[in-house]
Amino acid sequence: MQKYFLIMAAAATFMACQGNTSNTQTTTDSAADKMKEGVEQVKEGVEMKADTVGAYFKEQKEIAQAKLKEKRDELDAKIEELKKDGSKKSERARKKLEEARDDLNKTMEDVKNSTVEAWEDTKKGMDKSLKKADSEWQEFKRDFKELFR
């Protein structure tokens, strides 16, 4: 697009130096009009791209929040089951799962408040948080098999 503007500017300058003054003024006006038109097209393209990026980013955040909420809800259900059990063993497990849930809640806030510029880092943090929650649950299941008979 910059080449277009440079070519148009060079053409306008060249035309201004050529021919009679009445023709020169018409040519300069025509070149200026074309340059304005080109600038407007560039502005429209940038606005469309910004709208597209914004929509994509919003969609990505919604997907991320849904994943986090789903995992948090799973942990909440498991925590409630452990509360009913009441044993010391299940209490320790419940506390670990509550820590993982709290981490998910913090990550949900990070996702909610993330900007386009920070999105990649936020996404990495989210993936780490989800893996931690899964890991805690798998560890719990290995250590407390008797709760799942």
N, C-alpha and C. Protein backbone atom coordinates (compact mmCIF):
# COMPACT_ATOMS: atom_id res chain seq x y z
N MET A 1 0.83 -1.18 0.00
CA MET A 1 0.00 0.00 0.00
C MET A 1 0.88 1.25 0.00
N GLN A 2 2.01 1.17 0.67
CA GLN A 2 2.91 2.33 0.69
C GLN A 2 3.43 2.63 -0.71
N LYS A 3 3.69 1.57 -1.49
CA LYS A 3 4.15 1.78 -2.86
C LYS A 3 3.10 2.56 -3.65
N TYR A 4 1.84 2.24 -3.41
CA TYR A 4 0.75 2.92 -4.09
C TYR A 4 0.79 4.41 -3.78
N PHE A 5 0.96 4.73 -2.51
CA PHE A 5 1.01 6.14 -2.12
C PHE A 5 2.22 6.84 -2.72
N LEU A 6 3.35 6.17 -2.72
CA LEU A 6 4.56 6.77 -3.29
C LEU A 6 4.41 7.00 -4.79
N ILE A 7 3.84 6.01 -5.46
CA ILE A 7 3.62 6.15 -6.90
C ILE A 7 2.66 7.29 -7.18
N MET A 8 1.60 7.36 -6.38
CA MET A 8 0.62 8.43 -6.56
C MET A 8 1.25 9.80 -6.29
N ALA A 9 2.07 9.87 -5.26
CA ALA A 9 2.73 11.14 -4.94
C ALA A 9 3.70 11.53 -6.04
N ALA A 10 4.45 10.55 -6.55
CA ALA A 10 5.39 10.84 -7.63
C ALA A 10 4.65 11.27 -8.89
N ALA A 11 3.54 10.58 -9.19
CA ALA A 11 2.75 10.95 -10.37
C ALA A 11 2.19 12.35 -10.22
N ALA A 12 1.69 12.68 -9.03
CA ALA A 12 1.14 14.01 -8.81
C ALA A 12 2.21 15.07 -8.97
N THR A 13 3.39 14.80 -8.44
CA THR A 13 4.51 15.76 -8.55
C THR A 13 4.91 15.93 -10.02
N PHE A 14 5.02 14.81 -10.72
CA PHE A 14 5.40 14.86 -12.12
C PHE A 14 4.38 15.64 -12.94
N MET A 15 3.11 15.36 -12.70
CA MET A 15 2.06 16.04 -13.45
C MET A 15 2.03 17.53 -13.13
N ALA A 16 2.35 17.87 -11.89
CA ALA A 16 2.35 19.28 -11.50
C ALA A 16 3.43 20.04 -12.24
N CYS A 17 4.52 19.35 -12.56
CA CYS A 17 5.62 20.01 -13.26
C CYS A 17 5.40 20.06 -14.77
N GLN A 18 4.47 19.32 -15.30
CA GLN A 18 4.23 19.24 -16.73
C GLN A 18 3.04 20.11 -17.14
N GLY A 19 2.96 20.44 -18.41
CA GLY A 19 1.80 21.08 -19.02
C GLY A 19 1.49 22.46 -18.48
N ASN A 20 0.28 22.95 -18.82
CA ASN A 20 -0.11 24.29 -18.40
C ASN A 20 -0.70 24.26 -16.99
N THR A 21 -0.88 25.41 -16.40
CA THR A 21 -1.29 25.51 -15.00
C THR A 21 -2.72 25.06 -14.77
N SER A 22 -3.62 25.25 -15.71
CA SER A 22 -5.01 24.83 -15.49
C SER A 22 -5.10 23.31 -15.49
N ASN A 23 -4.36 22.68 -16.39
CA ASN A 23 -4.33 21.22 -16.45
C ASN A 23 -3.62 20.66 -15.21
N THR A 24 -2.59 21.36 -14.77
CA THR A 24 -1.83 20.94 -13.60
C THR A 24 -2.71 20.93 -12.36
N GLN A 25 -3.52 21.95 -12.18
CA GLN A 25 -4.39 22.03 -11.02
C GLN A 25 -5.40 20.89 -11.02
N THR A 26 -5.96 20.57 -12.19
CA THR A 26 -6.93 19.48 -12.31
C THR A 26 -6.27 18.15 -11.99
N THR A 27 -5.06 17.96 -12.50
CA THR A 27 -4.34 16.71 -12.25
C THR A 27 -3.99 16.58 -10.77
N THR A 28 -3.55 17.67 -10.16
CA THR A 28 -3.20 17.64 -8.74
C THR A 28 -4.42 17.33 -7.89
N ASP A 29 -5.55 17.97 -8.24
CA ASP A 29 -6.79 17.69 -7.52
C ASP A 29 -7.20 16.23 -7.68
N SER A 30 -7.06 15.69 -8.89
CA SER A 30 -7.41 14.31 -9.16
C SER A 30 -6.50 13.36 -8.36
N ALA A 31 -5.20 13.67 -8.35
CA ALA A 31 -4.26 12.83 -7.60
C ALA A 31 -4.55 12.90 -6.10
N ALA A 32 -4.87 14.07 -5.61
CA ALA A 32 -5.18 14.23 -4.19
C ALA A 32 -6.45 13.45 -3.84
N ASP A 33 -7.44 13.49 -4.73
CA ASP A 33 -8.67 12.74 -4.50
C ASP A 33 -8.38 11.24 -4.45
N LYS A 34 -7.54 10.77 -5.37
CA LYS A 34 -7.20 9.35 -5.40
C LYS A 34 -6.42 8.95 -4.14
N MET A 35 -5.56 9.83 -3.68
CA MET A 35 -4.80 9.55 -2.46
C MET A 35 -5.75 9.48 -1.26
N LYS A 36 -6.70 10.41 -1.20
CA LYS A 36 -7.68 10.39 -0.10
C LYS A 36 -8.48 9.09 -0.14
N GLU A 37 -8.87 8.69 -1.34
CA GLU A 37 -9.63 7.46 -1.51
C GLU A 37 -8.81 6.26 -1.04
N GLY A 38 -7.52 6.25 -1.40
CA GLY A 38 -6.63 5.17 -0.97
C GLY A 38 -6.47 5.13 0.54
N VAL A 39 -6.34 6.29 1.15
CA VAL A 39 -6.21 6.37 2.60
C VAL A 39 -7.47 5.83 3.27
N GLU A 40 -8.63 6.17 2.73
CA GLU A 40 -9.89 5.67 3.29
C GLU A 40 -9.98 4.15 3.18
N GLN A 41 -9.52 3.60 2.05
CA GLN A 41 -9.54 2.15 1.88
C GLN A 41 -8.62 1.47 2.91
N VAL A 42 -7.47 2.05 3.14
CA VAL A 42 -6.54 1.50 4.15
C VAL A 42 -7.19 1.55 5.53
N LYS A 43 -7.81 2.68 5.87
CA LYS A 43 -8.47 2.81 7.17
C LYS A 43 -9.55 1.75 7.34
N GLU A 44 -10.35 1.54 6.30
CA GLU A 44 -11.41 0.53 6.37
C GLU A 44 -10.83 -0.86 6.57
N GLY A 45 -9.73 -1.15 5.87
CA GLY A 45 -9.08 -2.46 6.01
C GLY A 45 -8.55 -2.67 7.42
N VAL A 46 -7.94 -1.64 7.99
CA VAL A 46 -7.42 -1.74 9.35
C VAL A 46 -8.56 -1.92 10.34
N GLU A 47 -9.64 -1.20 10.17
CA GLU A 47 -10.79 -1.33 11.07
C GLU A 47 -11.40 -2.73 10.98
N MET A 48 -11.50 -3.27 9.76
CA MET A 48 -12.05 -4.62 9.59
C MET A 48 -11.14 -5.65 10.28
N LYS A 49 -9.82 -5.49 10.12
CA LYS A 49 -8.89 -6.42 10.75
C LYS A 49 -9.00 -6.32 12.27
N ALA A 50 -9.09 -5.13 12.80
CA ALA A 50 -9.21 -4.94 14.25
C ALA A 50 -10.50 -5.59 14.76
N ASP A 51 -11.59 -5.44 14.01
CA ASP A 51 -12.85 -6.07 14.40
C ASP A 51 -12.73 -7.59 14.40
N THR A 52 -12.07 -8.13 13.39
CA THR A 52 -11.88 -9.58 13.28
C THR A 52 -11.02 -10.10 14.42
N VAL A 53 -9.93 -9.42 14.72
CA VAL A 53 -9.05 -9.83 15.81
C VAL A 53 -9.81 -9.75 17.13
N GLY A 54 -10.56 -8.69 17.31
CA GLY A 54 -11.34 -8.54 18.54
C GLY A 54 -12.35 -9.65 18.72
N ALA A 55 -13.04 -10.01 17.66
CA ALA A 55 -14.04 -11.08 17.73
C ALA A 55 -13.37 -12.43 18.02
N TYR A 56 -12.24 -12.68 17.38
CA TYR A 56 -11.50 -13.93 17.60
C TYR A 56 -11.02 -14.01 19.04
N PHE A 57 -10.47 -12.92 19.55
CA PHE A 57 -9.97 -12.88 20.92
C PHE A 57 -11.10 -13.13 21.91
N LYS A 58 -12.22 -12.49 21.69
CA LYS A 58 -13.37 -12.67 22.57
C LYS A 58 -13.82 -14.14 22.57
N GLU A 59 -13.85 -14.74 21.40
CA GLU A 59 -14.25 -16.14 21.28
C GLU A 59 -13.26 -17.05 22.03
N GLN A 60 -11.96 -16.78 21.87
CA GLN A 60 -10.95 -17.57 22.55
C GLN A 60 -11.07 -17.47 24.07
N LYS A 61 -11.34 -16.27 24.56
CA LYS A 61 -11.52 -16.09 26.00
C LYS A 61 -12.74 -16.86 26.49
N GLU A 62 -13.83 -16.83 25.74
CA GLU A 62 -15.04 -17.54 26.14
C GLU A 62 -14.80 -19.05 26.18
N ILE A 63 -14.08 -19.57 25.20
CA ILE A 63 -13.76 -21.00 25.18
C ILE A 63 -12.90 -21.36 26.39
N ALA A 64 -11.89 -20.54 26.66
CA ALA A 64 -11.00 -20.78 27.80
C ALA A 64 -11.77 -20.75 29.11
N GLN A 65 -12.63 -19.77 29.27
CA GLN A 65 -13.41 -19.66 30.50
C GLN A 65 -14.34 -20.86 30.67
N ALA A 66 -14.90 -21.34 29.57
CA ALA A 66 -15.79 -22.51 29.64
C ALA A 66 -15.01 -23.75 30.08
N LYS A 67 -13.80 -23.95 29.55
CA LYS A 67 -12.97 -25.09 29.95
C LYS A 67 -12.64 -25.01 31.44
N LEU A 68 -12.23 -23.84 31.88
CA LEU A 68 -11.87 -23.66 33.28
C LEU A 68 -13.08 -23.89 34.18
N LYS A 69 -14.23 -23.37 33.79
CA LYS A 69 -15.44 -23.54 34.59
C LYS A 69 -15.83 -25.01 34.67
N GLU A 70 -15.72 -25.71 33.57
CA GLU A 70 -16.05 -27.13 33.55
C GLU A 70 -15.15 -27.90 34.53
N LYS A 71 -13.85 -27.63 34.48
CA LYS A 71 -12.92 -28.31 35.37
C LYS A 71 -13.18 -27.92 36.83
N ARG A 72 -13.47 -26.66 37.07
CA ARG A 72 -13.75 -26.20 38.43
C ARG A 72 -15.02 -26.87 38.96
N ASP A 73 -16.03 -26.99 38.12
CA ASP A 73 -17.27 -27.64 38.54
C ASP A 73 -17.03 -29.12 38.88
N GLU A 74 -16.17 -29.78 38.10
CA GLU A 74 -15.81 -31.17 38.41
C GLU A 74 -15.16 -31.26 39.79
N LEU A 75 -14.22 -30.36 40.03
CA LEU A 75 -13.54 -30.36 41.33
C LEU A 75 -14.51 -30.05 42.46
N ASP A 76 -15.41 -29.12 42.24
CA ASP A 76 -16.40 -28.79 43.26
C ASP A 76 -17.23 -30.02 43.62
N ALA A 77 -17.65 -30.78 42.61
CA ALA A 77 -18.45 -31.98 42.86
C ALA A 77 -17.64 -33.01 43.66
N LYS A 78 -16.38 -33.17 43.32
CA LYS A 78 -15.53 -34.12 44.02
C LYS A 78 -15.27 -33.67 45.46
N ILE A 79 -15.10 -32.38 45.63
CA ILE A 79 -14.88 -31.82 46.97
C ILE A 79 -16.10 -32.06 47.84
N GLU A 80 -17.30 -31.88 47.28
CA GLU A 80 -18.53 -32.11 48.03
C GLU A 80 -18.65 -33.58 48.44
N GLU A 81 -18.27 -34.48 47.55
CA GLU A 81 -18.30 -35.91 47.88
C GLU A 81 -17.36 -36.20 49.04
N LEU A 82 -16.19 -35.60 49.01
CA LEU A 82 -15.20 -35.83 50.07
C LEU A 82 -15.66 -35.25 51.40
N LYS A 83 -16.38 -34.15 51.35
CA LYS A 83 -16.91 -33.56 52.59
C LYS A 83 -17.87 -34.53 53.27
N LYS A 84 -18.64 -35.26 52.48
CA LYS A 84 -19.61 -36.20 53.01
C LYS A 84 -18.92 -37.39 53.66
N ASP A 85 -17.77 -37.77 53.11
CA ASP A 85 -17.04 -38.92 53.65
C ASP A 85 -16.56 -38.64 55.06
N GLY A 86 -15.96 -37.49 55.28
CA GLY A 86 -15.57 -37.05 56.61
C GLY A 86 -14.33 -37.67 57.20
N SER A 87 -13.69 -38.61 56.53
CA SER A 87 -12.49 -39.22 57.10
C SER A 87 -11.30 -38.27 57.00
N LYS A 88 -10.29 -38.54 57.81
CA LYS A 88 -9.07 -37.71 57.78
C LYS A 88 -8.42 -37.79 56.41
N LYS A 89 -8.42 -38.97 55.86
CA LYS A 89 -7.81 -39.18 54.55
C LYS A 89 -8.51 -38.33 53.49
N SER A 90 -9.82 -38.37 53.51
CA SER A 90 -10.57 -37.60 52.51
C SER A 90 -10.45 -36.11 52.77
N GLU A 91 -10.27 -35.72 54.02
CA GLU A 91 -10.09 -34.31 54.34
C GLU A 91 -8.79 -33.77 53.73
N ARG A 92 -7.71 -34.56 53.81
CA ARG A 92 -6.44 -34.15 53.20
C ARG A 92 -6.59 -34.03 51.68
N ALA A 93 -7.25 -34.99 51.11
CA ALA A 93 -7.46 -34.97 49.67
C ALA A 93 -8.32 -33.77 49.27
N ARG A 94 -9.35 -33.52 50.07
CA ARG A 94 -10.24 -32.40 49.78
C ARG A 94 -9.47 -31.09 49.78
N LYS A 95 -8.57 -30.92 50.75
CA LYS A 95 -7.78 -29.69 50.82
C LYS A 95 -6.91 -29.51 49.58
N LYS A 96 -6.32 -30.60 49.10
CA LYS A 96 -5.51 -30.52 47.88
C LYS A 96 -6.36 -30.12 46.68
N LEU A 97 -7.54 -30.71 46.60
CA LEU A 97 -8.44 -30.38 45.49
C LEU A 97 -8.95 -28.94 45.60
N GLU A 98 -9.16 -28.48 46.82
CA GLU A 98 -9.58 -27.09 47.01
C GLU A 98 -8.48 -26.13 46.56
N GLU A 99 -7.22 -26.47 46.82
CA GLU A 99 -6.11 -25.64 46.34
C GLU A 99 -6.10 -25.59 44.81
N ALA A 100 -6.31 -26.73 44.19
CA ALA A 100 -6.35 -26.78 42.72
C ALA A 100 -7.52 -25.95 42.20
N ARG A 101 -8.66 -26.03 42.88
CA ARG A 101 -9.83 -25.24 42.49
C ARG A 101 -9.56 -23.75 42.63
N ASP A 102 -8.90 -23.36 43.73
CA ASP A 102 -8.56 -21.96 43.94
C ASP A 102 -7.63 -21.46 42.84
N ASP A 103 -6.71 -22.32 42.43
CA ASP A 103 -5.81 -21.98 41.33
C ASP A 103 -6.60 -21.77 40.04
N LEU A 104 -7.59 -22.62 39.81
CA LEU A 104 -8.45 -22.46 38.63
C LEU A 104 -9.23 -21.15 38.70
N ASN A 105 -9.72 -20.81 39.88
CA ASN A 105 -10.46 -19.54 40.03
C ASN A 105 -9.57 -18.35 39.71
N LYS A 106 -8.33 -18.38 40.18
CA LYS A 106 -7.38 -17.30 39.87
C LYS A 106 -7.12 -17.24 38.37
N THR A 107 -6.95 -18.40 37.76
CA THR A 107 -6.71 -18.44 36.32
C THR A 107 -7.91 -17.92 35.55
N MET A 108 -9.12 -18.21 36.04
CA MET A 108 -10.32 -17.68 35.38
C MET A 108 -10.32 -16.16 35.41
N GLU A 109 -9.89 -15.58 36.51
CA GLU A 109 -9.79 -14.12 36.60
C GLU A 109 -8.74 -13.59 35.63
N ASP A 110 -7.61 -14.30 35.54
CA ASP A 110 -6.55 -13.89 34.61
C ASP A 110 -7.06 -13.90 33.17
N VAL A 111 -7.81 -14.94 32.82
CA VAL A 111 -8.38 -15.03 31.47
C VAL A 111 -9.37 -13.90 31.24
N LYS A 112 -10.22 -13.69 32.21
CA LYS A 112 -11.23 -12.63 32.10
C LYS A 112 -10.59 -11.26 31.88
N ASN A 113 -9.49 -10.99 32.55
CA ASN A 113 -8.84 -9.68 32.49
C ASN A 113 -7.72 -9.60 31.46
N SER A 114 -7.49 -10.66 30.72
CA SER A 114 -6.39 -10.69 29.77
C SER A 114 -6.62 -9.73 28.60
N THR A 115 -5.51 -9.25 28.08
CA THR A 115 -5.55 -8.41 26.88
C THR A 115 -5.03 -9.22 25.69
N VAL A 116 -5.24 -8.70 24.50
CA VAL A 116 -4.76 -9.37 23.30
C VAL A 116 -3.25 -9.57 23.40
N GLU A 117 -2.56 -8.55 23.86
CA GLU A 117 -1.09 -8.61 23.93
C GLU A 117 -0.61 -9.67 24.91
N ALA A 118 -1.34 -9.91 25.98
CA ALA A 118 -0.91 -10.86 27.01
C ALA A 118 -1.56 -12.23 26.84
N TRP A 119 -2.34 -12.42 25.80
CA TRP A 119 -3.13 -13.63 25.66
C TRP A 119 -2.29 -14.91 25.63
N GLU A 120 -1.20 -14.92 24.90
CA GLU A 120 -0.39 -16.14 24.81
C GLU A 120 0.13 -16.56 26.18
N ASP A 121 0.59 -15.61 26.98
CA ASP A 121 1.06 -15.93 28.32
C ASP A 121 -0.10 -16.40 29.20
N THR A 122 -1.24 -15.77 29.07
CA THR A 122 -2.42 -16.15 29.84
C THR A 122 -2.83 -17.58 29.48
N LYS A 123 -2.79 -17.89 28.19
CA LYS A 123 -3.17 -19.22 27.73
C LYS A 123 -2.22 -20.28 28.30
N LYS A 124 -0.93 -19.97 28.34
CA LYS A 124 0.04 -20.91 28.92
C LYS A 124 -0.25 -21.14 30.40
N GLY A 125 -0.58 -20.07 31.11
CA GLY A 125 -0.93 -20.19 32.52
C GLY A 125 -2.19 -21.03 32.71
N MET A 126 -3.14 -20.86 31.80
CA MET A 126 -4.38 -21.63 31.88
C MET A 126 -4.09 -23.11 31.66
N ASP A 127 -3.29 -23.43 30.66
CA ASP A 127 -2.95 -24.82 30.39
C ASP A 127 -2.25 -25.45 31.59
N LYS A 128 -1.36 -24.69 32.20
CA LYS A 128 -0.63 -25.17 33.38
C LYS A 128 -1.61 -25.44 34.53
N SER A 129 -2.54 -24.55 34.74
CA SER A 129 -3.52 -24.68 35.80
C SER A 129 -4.43 -25.90 35.57
N LEU A 130 -4.86 -26.11 34.33
CA LEU A 130 -5.70 -27.27 34.02
C LEU A 130 -4.92 -28.57 34.22
N LYS A 131 -3.67 -28.59 33.81
CA LYS A 131 -2.85 -29.79 34.01
C LYS A 131 -2.66 -30.07 35.49
N LYS A 132 -2.46 -29.02 36.27
CA LYS A 132 -2.28 -29.19 37.71
C LYS A 132 -3.54 -29.79 38.33
N ALA A 133 -4.69 -29.28 37.94
CA ALA A 133 -5.96 -29.81 38.48
C ALA A 133 -6.14 -31.27 38.10
N ASP A 134 -5.83 -31.63 36.86
CA ASP A 134 -5.93 -33.03 36.43
C ASP A 134 -4.95 -33.90 37.20
N SER A 135 -3.75 -33.39 37.37
CA SER A 135 -2.72 -34.12 38.09
C SER A 135 -3.14 -34.38 39.54
N GLU A 136 -3.68 -33.37 40.19
CA GLU A 136 -4.14 -33.51 41.57
C GLU A 136 -5.22 -34.58 41.66
N TRP A 137 -6.13 -34.57 40.71
CA TRP A 137 -7.22 -35.53 40.72
C TRP A 137 -6.69 -36.95 40.49
N GLN A 138 -5.79 -37.12 39.54
CA GLN A 138 -5.22 -38.44 39.27
C GLN A 138 -4.44 -38.96 40.48
N GLU A 139 -3.69 -38.09 41.11
CA GLU A 139 -2.94 -38.46 42.31
C GLU A 139 -3.90 -38.88 43.42
N PHE A 140 -4.96 -38.12 43.57
CA PHE A 140 -5.97 -38.43 44.57
C PHE A 140 -6.56 -39.81 44.32
N LYS A 141 -6.92 -40.09 43.10
CA LYS A 141 -7.52 -41.38 42.77
C LYS A 141 -6.56 -42.53 43.04
N ARG A 142 -5.27 -42.34 42.75
CA ARG A 142 -4.27 -43.39 43.03
C ARG A 142 -4.15 -43.63 44.54
N ASP A 143 -4.09 -42.54 45.29
CA ASP A 143 -3.86 -42.65 46.74
C ASP A 143 -5.09 -43.09 47.52
N PHE A 144 -6.29 -42.88 46.98
CA PHE A 144 -7.51 -43.14 47.73
C PHE A 144 -8.46 -44.06 46.94
N LYS A 145 -7.92 -45.16 46.47
CA LYS A 145 -8.72 -46.09 45.66
C LYS A 145 -9.94 -46.60 46.41
N GLU A 146 -9.80 -46.74 47.74
CA GLU A 146 -10.91 -47.29 48.51
C GLU A 146 -12.15 -46.40 48.48
N LEU A 147 -12.00 -45.13 48.15
CA LEU A 147 -13.16 -44.25 48.08
C LEU A 147 -13.96 -44.45 46.79
N PHE A 148 -13.40 -45.24 45.86
CA PHE A 148 -14.03 -45.38 44.54
C PHE A 148 -14.48 -46.82 44.26
N ARG A 149 -14.82 -47.54 45.26
CA ARG A 149 -15.29 -48.93 45.06
C ARG A 149 -16.65 -48.95 44.46
